[in-house]
């Protein structure tokens, strides 16, 4: 049985183009950060690498640190959408583990080489307060959305047909905070420790271990 949660309305062509431009700038910024570090990269360098004028860069981002927010957000969104897409009859722990396997396993979510970029970006966030704020804001938005998804999963059977506006409850918000912390600390610990991208010590296994340590948590309360 699969999830029947309605998909969001399609973005307009203008919105899609803006999103594509934001992601192109984000990739350019990430590449420069990985190669030259945060201090060695200017906003003008990112603009040049992305093939845009500096004034265009500043129409999309206020600072060079903010330029990688779309990459952080894309990973967080994949995780939340994987929870949403888990089979409807899965328990919350099963849905969370489903999401981890489908987003943190190299070759399933992102390639193994991309995970090395993730490692560097997370290390940079740990070392730089400005970039850390960007990462924290992305995590906060993701956690809020996960709360809505968990609320929907918990009430779907009792929700009137056509009622798609399921507000997160205090319990679903708390569960989302706990689940998000389990995955976030796994990623940050993996990046800091320099472990492999897959297998024991990889991000997926670390996240699963954290979630399983919460086996007595009242997810469905």
C-alpha atoms as a PDB file:
ATOM      1  CA  UNK A   1       0.000   0.000   0.000  1.00  0.00           C
ATOM      2  CA  UNK A   2       1.487   3.356  -0.987  1.00  0.00           C
ATOM      3  CA  UNK A   3       0.999   6.838   0.384  1.00  0.00           C
ATOM      4  CA  UNK A   4      -1.913   8.813  -0.994  1.00  0.00           C
ATOM      5  CA  UNK A   5      -0.727  12.218   0.203  1.00  0.00           C
ATOM      6  CA  UNK A   6      -1.540  14.777  -2.533  1.00  0.00           C
ATOM      7  CA  UNK A   7       1.435  16.165  -4.422  1.00  0.00           C
ATOM      8  CA  UNK A   8       2.044  19.926  -4.214  1.00  0.00           C
ATOM      9  CA  UNK A   9       0.836  22.049  -7.163  1.00  0.00           C
ATOM     10  CA  UNK A  10       3.306  22.413 -10.008  1.00  0.00           C
ATOM     11  CA  UNK A  11       5.495  25.496  -9.942  1.00  0.00           C
ATOM     12  CA  UNK A  12       5.154  28.015 -12.748  1.00  0.00           C
ATOM     13  CA  UNK A  13       7.757  28.182 -15.509  1.00  0.00           C
ATOM     14  CA  UNK A  14       9.204  31.352 -13.977  1.00  0.00           C
ATOM     15  CA  UNK A  15       9.466  29.727 -10.559  1.00  0.00           C
ATOM     16  CA  UNK A  16      11.144  26.649 -12.049  1.00  0.00           C
ATOM     17  CA  UNK A  17      13.675  28.792 -13.894  1.00  0.00           C
ATOM     18  CA  UNK A  18      14.465  30.740 -10.740  1.00  0.00           C
ATOM     19  CA  UNK A  19      14.897  27.485  -8.821  1.00  0.00           C
ATOM     20  CA  UNK A  20      17.208  26.145 -11.541  1.00  0.00           C
ATOM     21  CA  UNK A  21      19.300  29.314 -11.419  1.00  0.00           C
ATOM     22  CA  UNK A  22      19.513  29.130  -7.623  1.00  0.00           C
ATOM     23  CA  UNK A  23      20.702  25.531  -7.861  1.00  0.00           C
ATOM     24  CA  UNK A  24      23.276  26.369 -10.550  1.00  0.00           C
ATOM     25  CA  UNK A  25      24.671  29.097  -8.308  1.00  0.00           C
ATOM     26  CA  UNK A  26      24.646  26.705  -5.343  1.00  0.00           C
ATOM     27  CA  UNK A  27      26.623  24.079  -7.256  1.00  0.00           C
ATOM     28  CA  UNK A  28      29.137  26.690  -8.370  1.00  0.00           C
ATOM     29  CA  UNK A  29      29.515  27.913  -4.788  1.00  0.00           C
ATOM     30  CA  UNK A  30      29.911  24.400  -3.418  1.00  0.00           C
ATOM     31  CA  UNK A  31      32.571  23.565  -5.996  1.00  0.00           C
ATOM     32  CA  UNK A  32      34.563  26.659  -5.090  1.00  0.00           C
ATOM     33  CA  UNK A  33      34.143  26.081  -1.359  1.00  0.00           C
ATOM     34  CA  UNK A  34      35.387  22.509  -1.751  1.00  0.00           C
ATOM     35  CA  UNK A  35      38.402  23.558  -3.837  1.00  0.00           C
ATOM     36  CA  UNK A  36      39.358  26.867  -2.234  1.00  0.00           C
ATOM     37  CA  UNK A  37      37.601  26.947   1.115  1.00  0.00           C
ATOM     38  CA  UNK A  38      35.116  29.500   2.344  1.00  0.00           C
ATOM     39  CA  UNK A  39      37.648  32.253   2.998  1.00  0.00           C
ATOM     40  CA  UNK A  40      39.248  31.759  -0.391  1.00  0.00           C
ATOM     41  CA  UNK A  41      35.976  32.258  -2.247  1.00  0.00           C
ATOM     42  CA  UNK A  42      34.242  35.568  -2.961  1.00  0.00           C
ATOM     43  CA  UNK A  43      30.685  36.132  -4.122  1.00  0.00           C
ATOM     44  CA  UNK A  44      32.169  37.506  -7.345  1.00  0.00           C
ATOM     45  CA  UNK A  45      34.038  34.217  -7.855  1.00  0.00           C
ATOM     46  CA  UNK A  46      30.796  32.285  -7.465  1.00  0.00           C
ATOM     47  CA  UNK A  47      29.032  34.561  -9.946  1.00  0.00           C
ATOM     48  CA  UNK A  48      31.810  34.106 -12.493  1.00  0.00           C
ATOM     49  CA  UNK A  49      31.790  30.325 -12.046  1.00  0.00           C
ATOM     50  CA  UNK A  50      27.999  30.257 -12.481  1.00  0.00           C
ATOM     51  CA  UNK A  51      28.190  32.446 -15.594  1.00  0.00           C
ATOM     52  CA  UNK A  52      26.196  35.332 -14.146  1.00  0.00           C
ATOM     53  CA  UNK A  53      26.873  38.939 -13.198  1.00  0.00           C
ATOM     54  CA  UNK A  54      27.597  39.763  -9.540  1.00  0.00           C
ATOM     55  CA  UNK A  55      24.408  41.859  -9.381  1.00  0.00           C
ATOM     56  CA  UNK A  56      22.457  38.794 -10.496  1.00  0.00           C
ATOM     57  CA  UNK A  57      24.067  36.774  -7.716  1.00  0.00           C
ATOM     58  CA  UNK A  58      22.888  39.317  -5.150  1.00  0.00           C
ATOM     59  CA  UNK A  59      19.343  39.140  -6.493  1.00  0.00           C
ATOM     60  CA  UNK A  60      19.290  35.517  -5.365  1.00  0.00           C
ATOM     61  CA  UNK A  61      21.525  35.505  -2.279  1.00  0.00           C
ATOM     62  CA  UNK A  62      22.566  38.127   0.256  1.00  0.00           C
ATOM     63  CA  UNK A  63      25.884  36.438   1.113  1.00  0.00           C
ATOM     64  CA  UNK A  64      28.226  33.830  -0.313  1.00  0.00           C
ATOM     65  CA  UNK A  65      27.356  31.476   2.565  1.00  0.00           C
ATOM     66  CA  UNK A  66      23.666  31.558   1.666  1.00  0.00           C
ATOM     67  CA  UNK A  67      24.512  30.406  -1.851  1.00  0.00           C
ATOM     68  CA  UNK A  68      24.818  26.758  -0.773  1.00  0.00           C
ATOM     69  CA  UNK A  69      21.451  26.755   1.021  1.00  0.00           C
ATOM     70  CA  UNK A  70      19.661  25.148  -1.975  1.00  0.00           C
ATOM     71  CA  UNK A  71      22.031  22.169  -1.808  1.00  0.00           C
ATOM     72  CA  UNK A  72      21.491  21.710   1.914  1.00  0.00           C
ATOM     73  CA  UNK A  73      17.747  22.121   1.361  1.00  0.00           C
ATOM     74  CA  UNK A  74      17.618  19.629  -1.515  1.00  0.00           C
ATOM     75  CA  UNK A  75      19.062  16.892   0.679  1.00  0.00           C
ATOM     76  CA  UNK A  76      16.719  17.743   3.541  1.00  0.00           C
ATOM     77  CA  UNK A  77      13.737  17.783   1.190  1.00  0.00           C
ATOM     78  CA  UNK A  78      14.640  14.363  -0.239  1.00  0.00           C
ATOM     79  CA  UNK A  79      14.657  12.964   3.300  1.00  0.00           C
ATOM     80  CA  UNK A  80      11.250  14.428   4.189  1.00  0.00           C
ATOM     81  CA  UNK A  81       9.680  13.410   0.873  1.00  0.00           C
ATOM     82  CA  UNK A  82      10.990   9.871   1.346  1.00  0.00           C
ATOM     83  CA  UNK A  83       9.182   9.733   4.696  1.00  0.00           C
ATOM     84  CA  UNK A  84       6.047  10.980   2.948  1.00  0.00           C
ATOM     85  CA  UNK A  85       6.427   8.357   0.208  1.00  0.00           C
ATOM     86  CA  UNK A  86       6.876   5.412   2.596  1.00  0.00           C
ATOM     87  CA  UNK A  87       4.052   2.843   2.461  1.00  0.00           C
ATOM     88  CA  UNK A  88       0.991   4.216   4.251  1.00  0.00           C
ATOM     89  CA  UNK A  89       0.720   1.195   6.541  1.00  0.00           C
ATOM     90  CA  UNK A  90       4.331   1.566   7.754  1.00  0.00           C
ATOM     91  CA  UNK A  91       4.750   2.616  11.362  1.00  0.00           C
ATOM     92  CA  UNK A  92       6.605   5.888  11.953  1.00  0.00           C
ATOM     93  CA  UNK A  93       9.904   4.090  12.764  1.00  0.00           C
ATOM     94  CA  UNK A  94       9.538   2.010   9.586  1.00  0.00           C
ATOM     95  CA  UNK A  95       8.831   5.128   7.513  1.00  0.00           C
ATOM     96  CA  UNK A  96      11.868   6.888   8.966  1.00  0.00           C
ATOM     97  CA  UNK A  97      14.142   3.912   8.270  1.00  0.00           C
ATOM     98  CA  UNK A  98      12.685   3.680   4.747  1.00  0.00           C
ATOM     99  CA  UNK A  99      13.611   7.334   4.217  1.00  0.00           C
ATOM    100  CA  UNK A 100      17.143   6.866   5.536  1.00  0.00           C
ATOM    101  CA  UNK A 101      17.803   3.940   3.205  1.00  0.00           C
ATOM    102  CA  UNK A 102      16.406   5.836   0.213  1.00  0.00           C
ATOM    103  CA  UNK A 103      18.308   9.072   0.803  1.00  0.00           C
ATOM    104  CA  UNK A 104      21.528   8.320   2.683  1.00  0.00           C
ATOM    105  CA  UNK A 105      22.659   5.213   0.809  1.00  0.00           C
ATOM    106  CA  UNK A 106      25.164   6.107  -1.957  1.00  0.00           C
ATOM    107  CA  UNK A 107      23.763   5.376  -5.395  1.00  0.00           C
ATOM    108  CA  UNK A 108      20.182   5.535  -4.134  1.00  0.00           C
ATOM    109  CA  UNK A 109      19.923   9.116  -2.897  1.00  0.00           C
ATOM    110  CA  UNK A 110      23.127  10.687  -4.240  1.00  0.00           C
ATOM    111  CA  UNK A 111      26.313   9.263  -5.726  1.00  0.00           C
ATOM    112  CA  UNK A 112      29.288   8.254  -3.608  1.00  0.00           C
ATOM    113  CA  UNK A 113      31.357  11.106  -5.077  1.00  0.00           C
ATOM    114  CA  UNK A 114      28.657  13.621  -4.150  1.00  0.00           C
ATOM    115  CA  UNK A 115      28.868  12.413  -0.560  1.00  0.00           C
ATOM    116  CA  UNK A 116      32.433  13.738  -0.404  1.00  0.00           C
ATOM    117  CA  UNK A 117      31.035  17.163  -1.271  1.00  0.00           C
ATOM    118  CA  UNK A 118      28.458  16.714   1.486  1.00  0.00           C
ATOM    119  CA  UNK A 119      31.243  15.865   3.929  1.00  0.00           C
ATOM    120  CA  UNK A 120      33.191  19.013   3.054  1.00  0.00           C
ATOM    121  CA  UNK A 121      30.123  21.277   3.223  1.00  0.00           C
ATOM    122  CA  UNK A 122      29.170  19.896   6.638  1.00  0.00           C
ATOM    123  CA  UNK A 123      32.724  20.368   7.903  1.00  0.00           C
ATOM    124  CA  UNK A 124      32.708  23.937   6.619  1.00  0.00           C
ATOM    125  CA  UNK A 125      29.407  24.552   8.403  1.00  0.00           C
ATOM    126  CA  UNK A 126      30.896  23.268  11.640  1.00  0.00           C
ATOM    127  CA  UNK A 127      33.915  25.557  11.298  1.00  0.00           C
ATOM    128  CA  UNK A 128      32.156  28.732  10.133  1.00  0.00           C
ATOM    129  CA  UNK A 129      29.380  30.426  12.160  1.00  0.00           C
ATOM    130  CA  UNK A 130      27.807  32.096   9.108  1.00  0.00           C
ATOM    131  CA  UNK A 131      27.558  28.834   7.193  1.00  0.00           C
ATOM    132  CA  UNK A 132      26.442  27.035  10.351  1.00  0.00           C
ATOM    133  CA  UNK A 133      23.457  29.397  10.547  1.00  0.00           C
ATOM    134  CA  UNK A 134      22.504  28.532   6.969  1.00  0.00           C
ATOM    135  CA  UNK A 135      22.667  24.803   7.770  1.00  0.00           C
ATOM    136  CA  UNK A 136      20.678  25.303  10.988  1.00  0.00           C
ATOM    137  CA  UNK A 137      17.945  27.254   9.193  1.00  0.00           C
ATOM    138  CA  UNK A 138      17.606  24.525   6.565  1.00  0.00           C
ATOM    139  CA  UNK A 139      17.363  21.885   9.299  1.00  0.00           C
ATOM    140  CA  UNK A 140      14.698  23.910  11.109  1.00  0.00           C
ATOM    141  CA  UNK A 141      12.534  24.238   7.997  1.00  0.00           C
ATOM    142  CA  UNK A 142      12.967  20.526   7.259  1.00  0.00           C
ATOM    143  CA  UNK A 143      11.978  19.624  10.813  1.00  0.00           C
ATOM    144  CA  UNK A 144       8.814  21.725  10.555  1.00  0.00           C
ATOM    145  CA  UNK A 145       7.844  20.034   7.290  1.00  0.00           C
ATOM    146  CA  UNK A 146       8.576  16.600   8.742  1.00  0.00           C
ATOM    147  CA  UNK A 147       6.205  17.424  11.600  1.00  0.00           C
ATOM    148  CA  UNK A 148       3.445  18.043   9.055  1.00  0.00           C
ATOM    149  CA  UNK A 149       4.238  14.772   7.279  1.00  0.00           C
ATOM    150  CA  UNK A 150       4.175  12.784  10.527  1.00  0.00           C
ATOM    151  CA  UNK A 151       0.907  14.449  11.537  1.00  0.00           C
ATOM    152  CA  UNK A 152      -0.566  13.439   8.189  1.00  0.00           C
ATOM    153  CA  UNK A 153       0.641   9.857   8.553  1.00  0.00           C
ATOM    154  CA  UNK A 154      -0.784   9.669  12.061  1.00  0.00           C
ATOM    155  CA  UNK A 155      -4.225  11.002  11.182  1.00  0.00           C
ATOM    156  CA  UNK A 156      -4.726   9.876   7.587  1.00  0.00           C
ATOM    157  CA  UNK A 157      -7.149   7.129   8.446  1.00  0.00           C
ATOM    158  CA  UNK A 158      -9.262   9.546  10.476  1.00  0.00           C
ATOM    159  CA  UNK A 159      -9.064  12.531   8.135  1.00  0.00           C
ATOM    160  CA  UNK A 160     -12.209  13.333   6.124  1.00  0.00           C
ATOM    161  CA  UNK A 161     -11.844  12.751   2.406  1.00  0.00           C
ATOM    162  CA  UNK A 162     -10.598  15.877   0.677  1.00  0.00           C
ATOM    163  CA  UNK A 163      -9.172  17.419   3.853  1.00  0.00           C
ATOM    164  CA  UNK A 164      -5.500  17.906   2.984  1.00  0.00           C
ATOM    165  CA  UNK A 165      -4.717  20.513   5.672  1.00  0.00           C
ATOM    166  CA  UNK A 166      -3.411  18.430   8.551  1.00  0.00           C
ATOM    167  CA  UNK A 167      -1.802  20.675  11.149  1.00  0.00           C
ATOM    168  CA  UNK A 168       1.167  19.233  13.049  1.00  0.00           C
ATOM    169  CA  UNK A 169       0.339  18.328  16.636  1.00  0.00           C
ATOM    170  CA  UNK A 170       2.622  18.869  19.606  1.00  0.00           C
ATOM    171  CA  UNK A 171       3.387  15.133  19.496  1.00  0.00           C
ATOM    172  CA  UNK A 172       4.226  15.137  15.774  1.00  0.00           C
ATOM    173  CA  UNK A 173       6.435  18.203  16.206  1.00  0.00           C
ATOM    174  CA  UNK A 174       8.295  16.519  19.044  1.00  0.00           C
ATOM    175  CA  UNK A 175       8.670  13.305  17.025  1.00  0.00           C
ATOM    176  CA  UNK A 176       9.959  15.312  14.052  1.00  0.00           C
ATOM    177  CA  UNK A 177      12.491  17.081  16.277  1.00  0.00           C
ATOM    178  CA  UNK A 178      13.729  13.765  17.678  1.00  0.00           C
ATOM    179  CA  UNK A 179      13.937  12.083  14.260  1.00  0.00           C
ATOM    180  CA  UNK A 180      15.625  15.102  12.685  1.00  0.00           C
ATOM    181  CA  UNK A 181      18.202  15.252  15.471  1.00  0.00           C
ATOM    182  CA  UNK A 182      18.940  11.541  15.047  1.00  0.00           C
ATOM    183  CA  UNK A 183      19.673  11.969  11.345  1.00  0.00           C
ATOM    184  CA  UNK A 184      21.402  15.351  11.618  1.00  0.00           C
ATOM    185  CA  UNK A 185      23.823  14.228  14.339  1.00  0.00           C
ATOM    186  CA  UNK A 186      24.586  11.087  12.332  1.00  0.00           C
ATOM    187  CA  UNK A 187      25.496  13.206   9.307  1.00  0.00           C
ATOM    188  CA  UNK A 188      27.531  15.703  11.304  1.00  0.00           C
ATOM    189  CA  UNK A 189      29.333  12.967  13.233  1.00  0.00           C
ATOM    190  CA  UNK A 190      30.100  11.103  10.024  1.00  0.00           C
ATOM    191  CA  UNK A 191      31.476  14.233   8.358  1.00  0.00           C
ATOM    192  CA  UNK A 192      33.616  15.144  11.357  1.00  0.00           C
ATOM    193  CA  UNK A 193      34.940  11.621  11.837  1.00  0.00           C
ATOM    194  CA  UNK A 194      35.874  10.971   8.226  1.00  0.00           C
ATOM    195  CA  UNK A 195      34.108   7.611   7.992  1.00  0.00           C
ATOM    196  CA  UNK A 196      33.314   5.738   4.759  1.00  0.00           C
ATOM    197  CA  UNK A 197      30.378   6.817   2.598  1.00  0.00           C
ATOM    198  CA  UNK A 198      28.687   3.425   2.896  1.00  0.00           C
ATOM    199  CA  UNK A 199      28.626   0.351   5.083  1.00  0.00           C
ATOM    200  CA  UNK A 200      29.402   0.394   8.823  1.00  0.00           C
ATOM    201  CA  UNK A 201      30.388   3.923   9.758  1.00  0.00           C
ATOM    202  CA  UNK A 202      28.606   5.396   6.740  1.00  0.00           C
ATOM    203  CA  UNK A 203      25.889   8.053   7.095  1.00  0.00           C
ATOM    204  CA  UNK A 204      23.001   5.646   6.469  1.00  0.00           C
ATOM    205  CA  UNK A 205      24.182   3.102   9.039  1.00  0.00           C
ATOM    206  CA  UNK A 206      24.876   5.805  11.619  1.00  0.00           C
ATOM    207  CA  UNK A 207      21.420   7.310  11.129  1.00  0.00           C
ATOM    208  CA  UNK A 208      19.753   3.890  11.366  1.00  0.00           C
ATOM    209  CA  UNK A 209      21.696   3.164  14.543  1.00  0.00           C
ATOM    210  CA  UNK A 210      20.499   6.434  16.073  1.00  0.00           C
ATOM    211  CA  UNK A 211      16.887   5.730  15.120  1.00  0.00           C
ATOM    212  CA  UNK A 212      17.040   2.183  16.489  1.00  0.00           C
ATOM    213  CA  UNK A 213      18.378   3.540  19.776  1.00  0.00           C
ATOM    214  CA  UNK A 214      15.008   5.302  20.015  1.00  0.00           C
ATOM    215  CA  UNK A 215      13.004   2.089  19.672  1.00  0.00           C
ATOM    216  CA  UNK A 216      11.135   2.805  22.923  1.00  0.00           C
ATOM    217  CA  UNK A 217      10.247   6.358  21.909  1.00  0.00           C
ATOM    218  CA  UNK A 218       6.423   6.801  21.673  1.00  0.00           C
ATOM    219  CA  UNK A 219       6.405   7.760  17.975  1.00  0.00           C
ATOM    220  CA  UNK A 220       2.675   7.178  17.576  1.00  0.00           C
ATOM    221  CA  UNK A 221       1.583   8.841  20.820  1.00  0.00           C
END
